[in-house]
Every structure is written in C-alpha cells, then in structure tokens.
Amino acid sequence: MRQIIWWLLTLLQYIMLLAAIASWIPQLYGTKLHSFLQRCTEPVTAPFRKLLNRIPAVRDFPLDISFLAAYLALTILKRLVY
C-alpha cells in the first residue's frame, strides 16, 4: 500500500513539473492538456496559495511560490511514506 501511495505522489510531482513547463508555453493555454494539468495541480497548490497569501512579503512577490511549497510538501510526504 505504501508503494502505491509513493507512486501516486511521484506521478503527481511529474504532472506538476509538466504543468510548470507548460505554463511557459503560451500556445498551450486553453488546450485540453492545459485544462487537464490545471485540474490535477490546482487542488494541490490552491491551499498553499491561500496560506501564503496571508504573508504580506510573499503576497507581493512576483512569482507564485505556492507551487514550490506544494512540490516540497509532496517530496516530504513521499519520504515519510517510503
């Protein structure tokens, strides 16, 4: 069971990386791939975005740090599971 959870978390990390790369390609906006990546990653990153927006220094930062926080949390969770 732990191995299945580990693989699912790994898959989610790969999807997140793909979403990060795709965000730099304007031609992908509005496509089915972009929609799929958003549906997969937004439930993971949204709570971090909401939490980090409470911190004024982070709220004014030009980059979305919630993605990095979510990715780091998944990495830590993988270490705890395996």
Protein backbone atom coordinates (compact mmCIF):
# COMPACT_ATOMS: atom_id res chain seq x y z
CA MET A 1 0.00 0.00 0.00
CA ARG A 2 2.83 2.40 0.82
CA GLN A 3 4.37 1.75 -2.57
CA ILE A 4 1.12 2.64 -4.35
CA ILE A 5 0.88 5.91 -2.42
CA TRP A 6 4.52 6.66 -3.21
CA TRP A 7 3.92 6.08 -6.94
CA LEU A 8 0.80 8.26 -6.93
CA LEU A 9 2.70 11.08 -5.23
CA THR A 10 5.51 10.67 -7.75
CA LEU A 11 3.02 10.81 -10.62
CA LEU A 12 1.55 13.98 -9.17
CA GLN A 13 5.02 15.51 -8.95
CA TYR A 14 5.65 14.72 -12.61
CA ILE A 15 2.31 16.26 -13.55
CA MET A 16 3.26 19.35 -11.55
CA LEU A 17 6.57 19.61 -13.37
CA LEU A 18 4.82 19.25 -16.70
CA ALA A 19 2.37 21.98 -15.68
CA ALA A 20 5.26 24.27 -14.73
CA ILE A 21 6.92 23.75 -18.10
CA ALA A 22 3.61 24.15 -19.93
CA SER A 23 2.96 27.44 -18.16
CA TRP A 24 5.88 28.91 -20.10
CA ILE A 25 4.34 27.95 -23.46
CA PRO A 26 1.57 30.43 -24.34
CA GLN A 27 0.28 28.26 -27.20
CA LEU A 28 -0.88 25.65 -24.68
CA TYR A 29 -3.27 27.99 -22.84
CA GLY A 30 -6.85 26.89 -23.39
CA THR A 31 -5.93 23.45 -24.75
CA LYS A 32 -7.13 20.16 -23.32
CA LEU A 33 -3.63 19.47 -21.99
CA HIS A 34 -3.57 22.79 -20.13
CA SER A 35 -7.03 22.11 -18.74
CA PHE A 36 -6.01 18.63 -17.57
CA LEU A 37 -2.85 19.90 -15.89
CA GLN A 38 -4.79 22.65 -14.12
CA ARG A 39 -7.42 20.19 -12.86
CA CYS A 40 -4.68 17.92 -11.49
CA THR A 41 -2.46 20.54 -9.88
CA GLU A 42 -4.84 23.23 -8.66
CA PRO A 43 -6.29 21.17 -5.77
CA VAL A 44 -2.73 20.68 -4.51
CA THR A 45 -1.44 24.23 -4.97
CA ALA A 46 -4.58 26.20 -4.02
CA PRO A 47 -4.35 25.57 -0.23
CA PHE A 48 -0.70 26.67 -0.25
CA ARG A 49 -1.56 29.75 -2.30
CA LYS A 50 -4.30 30.67 0.17
CA LEU A 51 -1.97 30.15 3.14
CA LEU A 52 0.94 32.04 1.60
CA ASN A 53 -1.26 34.99 0.58
CA ARG A 54 -1.67 35.74 4.29
CA ILE A 55 2.02 36.67 4.45
CA PRO A 56 2.50 40.22 3.07
CA ALA A 57 6.07 39.67 1.86
CA VAL A 58 5.03 36.57 -0.08
CA ARG A 59 1.82 38.12 -1.38
CA ASP A 60 3.82 40.92 -3.05
CA PHE A 61 6.38 38.51 -4.51
CA PRO A 62 6.19 38.41 -8.34
CA LEU A 63 6.35 34.59 -8.57
CA ASP A 64 3.80 32.02 -7.40
CA ILE A 65 5.64 30.31 -4.56
CA SER A 66 2.67 28.06 -3.76
CA PHE A 67 3.80 25.67 -6.47
CA LEU A 68 7.23 25.28 -4.86
CA ALA A 69 5.68 24.86 -1.41
CA ALA A 70 3.31 22.16 -2.69
CA TYR A 71 6.11 20.35 -4.51
CA LEU A 72 8.27 20.44 -1.38
CA ALA A 73 5.38 19.16 0.73
CA LEU A 74 4.88 16.25 -1.69
CA THR A 75 8.59 15.46 -1.51
CA ILE A 76 8.48 15.39 2.29
CA LEU A 77 5.31 13.30 2.25
CA LYS A 78 6.98 10.80 -0.09
CA ARG A 79 9.90 10.49 2.30
CA LEU A 80 7.53 9.86 5.20
CA VAL A 81 5.56 7.23 3.28
CA TYR A 82 8.51 5.27 1.93
